[in-house]
Amino acid sequence: MDRSRQSASIRVVSSGLGFADRQIALREIVDGIRSLREGAPDGAFDRSPALDRLLQMIGAAIIPIARADDDDWENILMELLDLRAAMARLGTDAGETPH
């Protein structure tokens, strides 16, 4: 899916979210990223202090992020979803054995 179509679908899905729903969405995305990191094959995300710190910072800033205006909220959400998708691809690639 190209970024413009992804952006449009995120805008539709996230446009009606209230403060509490935004918090829930952020927690689920951050938890999903942590799960990908922890469940990845050995070596996929080893020694990733920047990723650890980023997830800590996002977790600590859930309330201000959830209060962001709609444009900023959508941008943050899209970047987190892109990160999660990239990590899923990397984790899958790391788990594949060369033929």
C-alpha atoms as a PDB file:
ATOM      1  CA  MET A   1       0.000   0.000   0.000  1.00  0.00           C
ATOM      2  CA  ASP A   2       1.400   3.377  -0.906  1.00  0.00           C
ATOM      3  CA  ARG A   3       1.814   6.045   1.742  1.00  0.00           C
ATOM      4  CA  SER A   4      -0.999   8.277   0.429  1.00  0.00           C
ATOM      5  CA  ARG A   5      -3.550   5.442   0.589  1.00  0.00           C
ATOM      6  CA  GLN A   6      -2.255   4.455   4.024  1.00  0.00           C
ATOM      7  CA  SER A   7      -2.538   8.065   5.163  1.00  0.00           C
ATOM      8  CA  ALA A   8      -6.117   8.303   3.936  1.00  0.00           C
ATOM      9  CA  SER A   9      -7.139   5.087   5.677  1.00  0.00           C
ATOM     10  CA  ILE A  10      -5.468   6.140   8.939  1.00  0.00           C
ATOM     11  CA  ARG A  11      -7.194   9.513   8.781  1.00  0.00           C
ATOM     12  CA  VAL A  12     -10.577   7.804   8.399  1.00  0.00           C
ATOM     13  CA  VAL A  13      -9.897   5.322  11.199  1.00  0.00           C
ATOM     14  CA  SER A  14      -8.298   7.760  13.624  1.00  0.00           C
ATOM     15  CA  SER A  15     -10.387  10.857  12.956  1.00  0.00           C
ATOM     16  CA  GLY A  16     -13.156   9.885  15.334  1.00  0.00           C
ATOM     17  CA  LEU A  17     -10.982   8.696  18.192  1.00  0.00           C
ATOM     18  CA  GLY A  18     -11.392  10.476  21.486  1.00  0.00           C
ATOM     19  CA  PHE A  19      -8.691  11.009  24.075  1.00  0.00           C
ATOM     20  CA  ALA A  20      -9.166   7.648  25.825  1.00  0.00           C
ATOM     21  CA  ASP A  21      -9.258   5.736  22.532  1.00  0.00           C
ATOM     22  CA  ARG A  22      -6.082   7.452  21.381  1.00  0.00           C
ATOM     23  CA  GLN A  23      -4.332   6.365  24.577  1.00  0.00           C
ATOM     24  CA  ILE A  24      -5.473   2.796  24.029  1.00  0.00           C
ATOM     25  CA  ALA A  25      -4.330   2.857  20.396  1.00  0.00           C
ATOM     26  CA  LEU A  26      -0.888   4.176  21.354  1.00  0.00           C
ATOM     27  CA  ARG A  27      -0.452   1.576  24.080  1.00  0.00           C
ATOM     28  CA  GLU A  28      -1.451  -1.207  21.702  1.00  0.00           C
ATOM     29  CA  ILE A  29       0.967  -0.026  19.021  1.00  0.00           C
ATOM     30  CA  VAL A  30       3.844   0.355  21.502  1.00  0.00           C
ATOM     31  CA  ASP A  31       3.046  -3.055  23.010  1.00  0.00           C
ATOM     32  CA  GLY A  32       2.987  -4.515  19.500  1.00  0.00           C
ATOM     33  CA  ILE A  33       6.413  -3.051  18.736  1.00  0.00           C
ATOM     34  CA  ARG A  34       7.776  -4.437  22.012  1.00  0.00           C
ATOM     35  CA  SER A  35       6.312  -7.856  21.206  1.00  0.00           C
ATOM     36  CA  LEU A  36       7.924  -7.812  17.771  1.00  0.00           C
ATOM     37  CA  ARG A  37      11.252  -6.937  19.348  1.00  0.00           C
ATOM     38  CA  GLU A  38      11.006  -9.617  22.007  1.00  0.00           C
ATOM     39  CA  GLY A  39       9.685 -12.302  19.640  1.00  0.00           C
ATOM     40  CA  ALA A  40      12.141 -11.670  16.839  1.00  0.00           C
ATOM     41  CA  PRO A  41      14.720 -14.291  15.961  1.00  0.00           C
ATOM     42  CA  ASP A  42      18.077 -13.950  17.682  1.00  0.00           C
ATOM     43  CA  GLY A  43      20.073 -11.092  16.270  1.00  0.00           C
ATOM     44  CA  ALA A  44      17.191  -9.260  14.593  1.00  0.00           C
ATOM     45  CA  PHE A  45      16.977  -6.432  17.138  1.00  0.00           C
ATOM     46  CA  ASP A  46      19.833  -7.164  19.517  1.00  0.00           C
ATOM     47  CA  ARG A  47      21.477  -4.246  21.209  1.00  0.00           C
ATOM     48  CA  SER A  48      18.930  -1.619  20.213  1.00  0.00           C
ATOM     49  CA  PRO A  49      19.256   1.013  22.937  1.00  0.00           C
ATOM     50  CA  ALA A  50      17.785   3.696  20.670  1.00  0.00           C
ATOM     51  CA  LEU A  51      14.660   1.601  20.109  1.00  0.00           C
ATOM     52  CA  ASP A  52      14.408   0.849  23.828  1.00  0.00           C
ATOM     53  CA  ARG A  53      14.690   4.535  24.653  1.00  0.00           C
ATOM     54  CA  LEU A  54      12.190   5.527  21.971  1.00  0.00           C
ATOM     55  CA  LEU A  55       9.599   3.092  23.330  1.00  0.00           C
ATOM     56  CA  GLN A  56      10.217   4.345  26.882  1.00  0.00           C
ATOM     57  CA  MET A  57       9.758   7.945  25.761  1.00  0.00           C
ATOM     58  CA  ILE A  58       6.569   7.193  23.845  1.00  0.00           C
ATOM     59  CA  GLY A  59       5.217   5.222  26.796  1.00  0.00           C
ATOM     60  CA  ALA A  60       5.941   8.138  29.116  1.00  0.00           C
ATOM     61  CA  ALA A  61       4.363  10.641  26.696  1.00  0.00           C
ATOM     62  CA  ILE A  62       1.121   8.828  25.908  1.00  0.00           C
ATOM     63  CA  ILE A  63      -1.057  11.532  27.463  1.00  0.00           C
ATOM     64  CA  PRO A  64       0.506  14.496  25.593  1.00  0.00           C
ATOM     65  CA  ILE A  65       0.585  12.505  22.359  1.00  0.00           C
ATOM     66  CA  ALA A  66      -3.079  11.552  22.758  1.00  0.00           C
ATOM     67  CA  ARG A  67      -3.897  15.244  23.267  1.00  0.00           C
ATOM     68  CA  ALA A  68      -2.134  16.311  20.064  1.00  0.00           C
ATOM     69  CA  ASP A  69      -4.162  18.064  17.401  1.00  0.00           C
ATOM     70  CA  ASP A  70      -5.568  15.833  14.673  1.00  0.00           C
ATOM     71  CA  ASP A  71      -2.806  16.480  12.131  1.00  0.00           C
ATOM     72  CA  ASP A  72       0.012  15.817  14.602  1.00  0.00           C
ATOM     73  CA  TRP A  73      -1.830  12.786  15.981  1.00  0.00           C
ATOM     74  CA  GLU A  74      -2.197  11.303  12.493  1.00  0.00           C
ATOM     75  CA  ASN A  75       1.483  11.943  11.706  1.00  0.00           C
ATOM     76  CA  ILE A  76       2.645  10.309  14.932  1.00  0.00           C
ATOM     77  CA  LEU A  77       0.302   7.374  14.434  1.00  0.00           C
ATOM     78  CA  MET A  78       1.463   6.861  10.863  1.00  0.00           C
ATOM     79  CA  GLU A  79       5.142   6.933  11.863  1.00  0.00           C
ATOM     80  CA  LEU A  80       4.559   4.386  14.636  1.00  0.00           C
ATOM     81  CA  LEU A  81       2.656   2.105  12.284  1.00  0.00           C
ATOM     82  CA  ASP A  82       5.474   2.438   9.726  1.00  0.00           C
ATOM     83  CA  LEU A  83       7.999   1.511  12.431  1.00  0.00           C
ATOM     84  CA  ARG A  84       5.928  -1.508  13.430  1.00  0.00           C
ATOM     85  CA  ALA A  85       5.631  -2.635   9.792  1.00  0.00           C
ATOM     86  CA  ALA A  86       9.378  -2.210   9.204  1.00  0.00           C
ATOM     87  CA  MET A  87      10.172  -4.196  12.323  1.00  0.00           C
ATOM     88  CA  ALA A  88       7.790  -6.953  11.248  1.00  0.00           C
ATOM     89  CA  ARG A  89       9.543  -7.136   7.852  1.00  0.00           C
ATOM     90  CA  LEU A  90      12.997  -7.130   9.437  1.00  0.00           C
ATOM     91  CA  GLY A  91      12.009  -9.764  11.966  1.00  0.00           C
ATOM     92  CA  THR A  92      10.615 -11.972   9.224  1.00  0.00           C
ATOM     93  CA  ASP A  93      13.693 -11.484   7.044  1.00  0.00           C
ATOM     94  CA  ALA A  94      16.001 -12.313   9.962  1.00  0.00           C
ATOM     95  CA  GLY A  95      14.087 -15.519  10.644  1.00  0.00           C
ATOM     96  CA  GLU A  96      14.353 -16.808   7.092  1.00  0.00           C
ATOM     97  CA  THR A  97      17.165 -19.157   6.268  1.00  0.00           C
ATOM     98  CA  PRO A  98      19.111 -18.650   3.055  1.00  0.00           C
ATOM     99  CA  HIS A  99      18.655 -21.336   0.401  1.00  0.00           C
END
